[in-house]
Amino acid sequence: SITKERTEVILQGTSSLDPNDPAAVWEEFEFKCKPGDLRRRPCLISPYHYRLDWLMWFAAFQTYEQNEWIIHLAGKLLAQEEEILSLLATNPFAGRDPP
């Protein structure tokens, strides 16, 4: 055990023109094995981990300044880059305009 509580980094996007609008709907980018939807069956792959999911776990222990790669990841998600989207379980913006 590493910690008693697990802090998670969650990446979300919105199609709203004004992201500060209280009516804006934010949708989560879901990872293949990172904890997320409680209704989803846990991902068990042993002894290996999906690297991005593993890095997201450790990023939650630090600030984004210590993990600048998260900013680059978010930019690639905004650009809907296929290589990055292939690392995720779901893309809530598939078939729609990017967030």
N, C-alpha and C. Protein backbone atom coordinates (compact mmCIF):
# COMPACT_ATOMS: atom_id res chain seq x y z
N SER A 1 0.85 -1.18 0.00
CA SER A 1 0.00 0.00 0.00
C SER A 1 0.89 1.24 0.00
N ILE A 2 0.52 2.21 -0.80
CA ILE A 2 1.31 3.44 -0.86
C ILE A 2 0.65 4.54 -0.05
N THR A 3 -0.64 4.72 -0.21
CA THR A 3 -1.36 5.74 0.54
C THR A 3 -2.73 5.17 0.94
N LYS A 4 -3.35 5.77 1.96
CA LYS A 4 -4.68 5.33 2.37
C LYS A 4 -5.76 5.90 1.46
N GLU A 5 -5.51 7.07 0.89
CA GLU A 5 -6.45 7.70 -0.04
C GLU A 5 -5.75 7.87 -1.37
N ARG A 6 -6.53 7.83 -2.44
CA ARG A 6 -5.96 7.98 -3.77
C ARG A 6 -6.51 9.23 -4.42
N THR A 7 -5.63 10.17 -4.70
CA THR A 7 -5.99 11.39 -5.41
C THR A 7 -5.85 11.10 -6.89
N GLU A 8 -6.80 11.59 -7.68
CA GLU A 8 -6.78 11.33 -9.12
C GLU A 8 -6.75 12.64 -9.91
N VAL A 9 -6.02 12.64 -11.01
CA VAL A 9 -6.07 13.71 -11.99
C VAL A 9 -7.14 13.32 -12.99
N ILE A 10 -8.09 14.20 -13.23
CA ILE A 10 -9.18 13.93 -14.17
C ILE A 10 -9.10 14.97 -15.27
N LEU A 11 -9.08 14.50 -16.52
CA LEU A 11 -9.05 15.40 -17.67
C LEU A 11 -10.45 15.45 -18.27
N GLN A 12 -10.97 16.66 -18.42
CA GLN A 12 -12.31 16.85 -18.97
C GLN A 12 -12.27 17.92 -20.05
N GLY A 13 -13.28 17.88 -20.92
CA GLY A 13 -13.42 18.90 -21.95
C GLY A 13 -14.89 19.27 -22.07
N THR A 14 -15.15 20.41 -22.71
CA THR A 14 -16.52 20.85 -22.92
C THR A 14 -16.68 21.39 -24.34
N SER A 15 -17.87 21.22 -24.88
CA SER A 15 -18.20 21.78 -26.19
C SER A 15 -18.78 23.17 -26.07
N SER A 16 -18.97 23.63 -24.84
CA SER A 16 -19.56 24.95 -24.60
C SER A 16 -18.64 26.05 -25.11
N LEU A 17 -19.21 27.06 -25.73
CA LEU A 17 -18.42 28.20 -26.19
C LEU A 17 -17.86 28.99 -25.01
N ASP A 18 -18.57 28.94 -23.88
CA ASP A 18 -18.11 29.62 -22.67
C ASP A 18 -17.92 28.58 -21.57
N PRO A 19 -16.68 28.13 -21.34
CA PRO A 19 -16.46 27.09 -20.34
C PRO A 19 -16.80 27.52 -18.91
N ASN A 20 -16.92 28.83 -18.68
CA ASN A 20 -17.28 29.32 -17.35
C ASN A 20 -18.79 29.36 -17.14
N ASP A 21 -19.55 29.10 -18.18
CA ASP A 21 -21.00 29.08 -18.08
C ASP A 21 -21.44 27.94 -17.15
N PRO A 22 -22.25 28.22 -16.14
CA PRO A 22 -22.70 27.16 -15.23
C PRO A 22 -23.45 26.03 -15.95
N ALA A 23 -23.98 26.31 -17.13
CA ALA A 23 -24.71 25.29 -17.89
C ALA A 23 -23.77 24.44 -18.77
N ALA A 24 -22.49 24.79 -18.80
CA ALA A 24 -21.54 24.03 -19.61
C ALA A 24 -21.47 22.59 -19.12
N VAL A 25 -21.49 21.65 -20.05
CA VAL A 25 -21.40 20.23 -19.71
C VAL A 25 -19.97 19.78 -19.93
N TRP A 26 -19.36 19.30 -18.86
CA TRP A 26 -17.97 18.83 -18.93
C TRP A 26 -17.98 17.31 -19.04
N GLU A 27 -17.20 16.79 -19.98
CA GLU A 27 -17.16 15.35 -20.23
C GLU A 27 -15.75 14.83 -19.98
N GLU A 28 -15.66 13.69 -19.33
CA GLU A 28 -14.37 13.14 -18.91
C GLU A 28 -13.76 12.25 -19.98
N PHE A 29 -12.47 12.43 -20.20
CA PHE A 29 -11.70 11.50 -21.02
C PHE A 29 -11.37 10.32 -20.11
N GLU A 30 -11.79 9.13 -20.50
CA GLU A 30 -11.59 7.96 -19.66
C GLU A 30 -10.39 7.16 -20.15
N PHE A 31 -9.57 6.75 -19.21
CA PHE A 31 -8.36 5.99 -19.52
C PHE A 31 -8.67 4.49 -19.47
N LYS A 32 -7.77 3.70 -20.04
CA LYS A 32 -8.01 2.25 -20.13
C LYS A 32 -8.00 1.57 -18.78
N CYS A 33 -7.08 1.93 -17.91
CA CYS A 33 -6.98 1.23 -16.62
C CYS A 33 -6.94 2.14 -15.41
N LYS A 34 -6.91 3.43 -15.61
CA LYS A 34 -6.92 4.37 -14.49
C LYS A 34 -8.30 4.33 -13.85
N PRO A 35 -8.39 4.35 -12.53
CA PRO A 35 -9.71 4.37 -11.89
C PRO A 35 -10.55 5.54 -12.40
N GLY A 36 -11.81 5.30 -12.57
CA GLY A 36 -12.72 6.32 -13.08
C GLY A 36 -14.15 5.94 -12.77
N ASP A 37 -14.91 5.58 -13.79
CA ASP A 37 -16.31 5.22 -13.64
C ASP A 37 -16.45 4.05 -12.67
N LEU A 38 -17.18 4.27 -11.60
CA LEU A 38 -17.35 3.23 -10.57
C LEU A 38 -18.15 2.04 -11.08
N ARG A 39 -18.89 2.21 -12.17
CA ARG A 39 -19.68 1.11 -12.73
C ARG A 39 -18.85 0.23 -13.67
N ARG A 40 -17.65 0.68 -13.99
CA ARG A 40 -16.77 -0.07 -14.89
C ARG A 40 -16.00 -1.14 -14.12
N ARG A 41 -15.89 -2.31 -14.71
CA ARG A 41 -15.13 -3.39 -14.09
C ARG A 41 -13.67 -2.98 -13.99
N PRO A 42 -13.00 -3.26 -12.87
CA PRO A 42 -11.58 -2.88 -12.74
C PRO A 42 -10.73 -3.57 -13.78
N CYS A 43 -9.71 -2.87 -14.23
CA CYS A 43 -8.76 -3.40 -15.19
C CYS A 43 -7.65 -4.11 -14.43
N LEU A 44 -7.45 -5.37 -14.73
CA LEU A 44 -6.38 -6.11 -14.08
C LEU A 44 -5.43 -6.64 -15.14
N ILE A 45 -4.23 -6.11 -15.13
CA ILE A 45 -3.19 -6.61 -16.01
C ILE A 45 -1.93 -6.72 -15.17
N SER A 46 -1.42 -7.88 -15.07
CA SER A 46 -0.29 -8.09 -14.19
C SER A 46 0.80 -8.83 -14.98
N PRO A 47 2.02 -8.54 -14.77
CA PRO A 47 2.61 -7.62 -13.81
C PRO A 47 2.82 -6.21 -14.36
N TYR A 48 2.24 -5.90 -15.54
CA TYR A 48 2.50 -4.63 -16.19
C TYR A 48 1.35 -3.65 -16.00
N HIS A 49 1.61 -2.38 -16.27
CA HIS A 49 0.60 -1.33 -16.22
C HIS A 49 0.60 -0.59 -17.55
N TYR A 50 -0.53 0.02 -17.87
CA TYR A 50 -0.55 0.95 -18.99
C TYR A 50 0.25 2.18 -18.54
N ARG A 51 1.26 2.52 -19.27
CA ARG A 51 2.20 3.57 -18.83
C ARG A 51 1.53 4.91 -18.57
N LEU A 52 0.67 5.37 -19.48
CA LEU A 52 0.03 6.66 -19.29
C LEU A 52 -0.84 6.65 -18.03
N ASP A 53 -1.58 5.58 -17.82
CA ASP A 53 -2.43 5.46 -16.63
C ASP A 53 -1.57 5.48 -15.36
N TRP A 54 -0.44 4.81 -15.42
CA TRP A 54 0.49 4.77 -14.29
C TRP A 54 1.06 6.16 -14.01
N LEU A 55 1.46 6.87 -15.07
CA LEU A 55 1.99 8.22 -14.90
C LEU A 55 0.94 9.17 -14.32
N MET A 56 -0.32 8.99 -14.72
CA MET A 56 -1.40 9.84 -14.20
C MET A 56 -1.54 9.66 -12.69
N TRP A 57 -1.35 8.44 -12.22
CA TRP A 57 -1.45 8.18 -10.79
C TRP A 57 -0.38 8.97 -10.04
N PHE A 58 0.86 8.92 -10.51
CA PHE A 58 1.93 9.62 -9.83
C PHE A 58 1.86 11.13 -10.01
N ALA A 59 1.27 11.58 -11.10
CA ALA A 59 1.10 13.02 -11.32
C ALA A 59 0.19 13.62 -10.25
N ALA A 60 -0.71 12.82 -9.71
CA ALA A 60 -1.62 13.33 -8.68
C ALA A 60 -0.91 13.65 -7.37
N PHE A 61 0.30 13.14 -7.21
CA PHE A 61 1.07 13.42 -5.99
C PHE A 61 1.83 14.74 -6.08
N GLN A 62 1.88 15.34 -7.28
CA GLN A 62 2.69 16.53 -7.49
C GLN A 62 1.87 17.60 -8.20
N THR A 63 2.53 18.72 -8.51
CA THR A 63 1.88 19.81 -9.23
C THR A 63 2.10 19.65 -10.72
N TYR A 64 1.33 20.38 -11.52
CA TYR A 64 1.52 20.29 -12.96
C TYR A 64 2.88 20.83 -13.38
N GLU A 65 3.47 21.74 -12.59
CA GLU A 65 4.81 22.24 -12.92
C GLU A 65 5.84 21.12 -12.85
N GLN A 66 5.59 20.14 -12.01
CA GLN A 66 6.50 19.00 -11.90
C GLN A 66 6.18 17.92 -12.93
N ASN A 67 5.08 18.08 -13.63
CA ASN A 67 4.65 17.12 -14.65
C ASN A 67 4.17 17.88 -15.89
N GLU A 68 5.09 18.59 -16.52
CA GLU A 68 4.73 19.41 -17.68
C GLU A 68 4.13 18.60 -18.82
N TRP A 69 4.37 17.30 -18.85
CA TRP A 69 3.84 16.46 -19.91
C TRP A 69 2.31 16.46 -19.90
N ILE A 70 1.68 16.73 -18.75
CA ILE A 70 0.21 16.77 -18.68
C ILE A 70 -0.33 17.93 -19.52
N ILE A 71 0.37 19.05 -19.53
CA ILE A 71 -0.06 20.19 -20.34
C ILE A 71 0.01 19.82 -21.82
N HIS A 72 1.08 19.13 -22.21
CA HIS A 72 1.21 18.70 -23.60
C HIS A 72 0.14 17.66 -23.96
N LEU A 73 -0.17 16.77 -23.02
CA LEU A 73 -1.22 15.78 -23.23
C LEU A 73 -2.56 16.47 -23.44
N ALA A 74 -2.87 17.46 -22.62
CA ALA A 74 -4.14 18.20 -22.75
C ALA A 74 -4.20 18.90 -24.11
N GLY A 75 -3.10 19.47 -24.56
CA GLY A 75 -3.07 20.13 -25.86
C GLY A 75 -3.33 19.15 -26.99
N LYS A 76 -2.78 17.96 -26.89
CA LYS A 76 -3.00 16.95 -27.92
C LYS A 76 -4.44 16.42 -27.87
N LEU A 77 -5.04 16.38 -26.70
CA LEU A 77 -6.45 16.00 -26.60
C LEU A 77 -7.33 17.07 -27.24
N LEU A 78 -6.99 18.33 -27.02
CA LEU A 78 -7.74 19.42 -27.65
C LEU A 78 -7.63 19.38 -29.17
N ALA A 79 -6.47 18.94 -29.66
CA ALA A 79 -6.26 18.84 -31.10
C ALA A 79 -6.81 17.53 -31.66
N GLN A 80 -7.30 16.65 -30.77
CA GLN A 80 -7.86 15.35 -31.17
C GLN A 80 -6.86 14.52 -31.97
N GLU A 81 -5.61 14.48 -31.49
CA GLU A 81 -4.57 13.70 -32.18
C GLU A 81 -4.84 12.20 -31.97
N GLU A 82 -4.92 11.47 -33.07
CA GLU A 82 -5.28 10.05 -33.05
C GLU A 82 -4.32 9.21 -32.22
N GLU A 83 -3.01 9.52 -32.27
CA GLU A 83 -2.04 8.74 -31.50
C GLU A 83 -2.34 8.82 -30.01
N ILE A 84 -2.72 9.99 -29.55
CA ILE A 84 -3.02 10.17 -28.13
C ILE A 84 -4.37 9.55 -27.78
N LEU A 85 -5.35 9.76 -28.63
CA LEU A 85 -6.68 9.20 -28.37
C LEU A 85 -6.65 7.68 -28.33
N SER A 86 -5.70 7.06 -29.03
CA SER A 86 -5.61 5.60 -29.00
C SER A 86 -5.15 5.08 -27.64
N LEU A 87 -4.58 5.95 -26.81
CA LEU A 87 -4.14 5.56 -25.47
C LEU A 87 -5.28 5.58 -24.46
N LEU A 88 -6.43 6.12 -24.86
CA LEU A 88 -7.57 6.26 -23.96
C LEU A 88 -8.62 5.19 -24.22
N ALA A 89 -9.45 4.95 -23.20
CA ALA A 89 -10.55 3.99 -23.35
C ALA A 89 -11.68 4.61 -24.14
N THR A 90 -11.99 5.86 -23.88
CA THR A 90 -13.08 6.53 -24.58
C THR A 90 -12.71 7.97 -24.91
N ASN A 91 -13.29 8.46 -26.01
CA ASN A 91 -13.15 9.85 -26.39
C ASN A 91 -14.58 10.42 -26.41
N PRO A 92 -14.95 11.22 -25.43
CA PRO A 92 -16.33 11.73 -25.38
C PRO A 92 -16.66 12.65 -26.54
N PHE A 93 -15.68 13.06 -27.34
CA PHE A 93 -15.92 13.98 -28.45
C PHE A 93 -15.79 13.28 -29.81
N ALA A 94 -15.80 11.96 -29.82
CA ALA A 94 -15.69 11.21 -31.08
C ALA A 94 -16.87 11.57 -31.98
N GLY A 95 -16.55 11.91 -33.22
CA GLY A 95 -17.59 12.25 -34.18
C GLY A 95 -18.17 13.64 -34.01
N ARG A 96 -17.58 14.43 -33.12
CA ARG A 96 -18.05 15.80 -32.88
C ARG A 96 -16.87 16.75 -33.00
N ASP A 97 -17.17 18.04 -32.92
CA ASP A 97 -16.09 19.03 -32.90
C ASP A 97 -15.25 18.82 -31.64
N PRO A 98 -13.95 19.10 -31.72
CA PRO A 98 -13.10 18.95 -30.55
C PRO A 98 -13.53 19.89 -29.42
N PRO A 99 -13.14 19.56 -28.21
CA PRO A 99 -13.52 20.42 -27.07
C PRO A 99 -12.89 21.79 -27.16
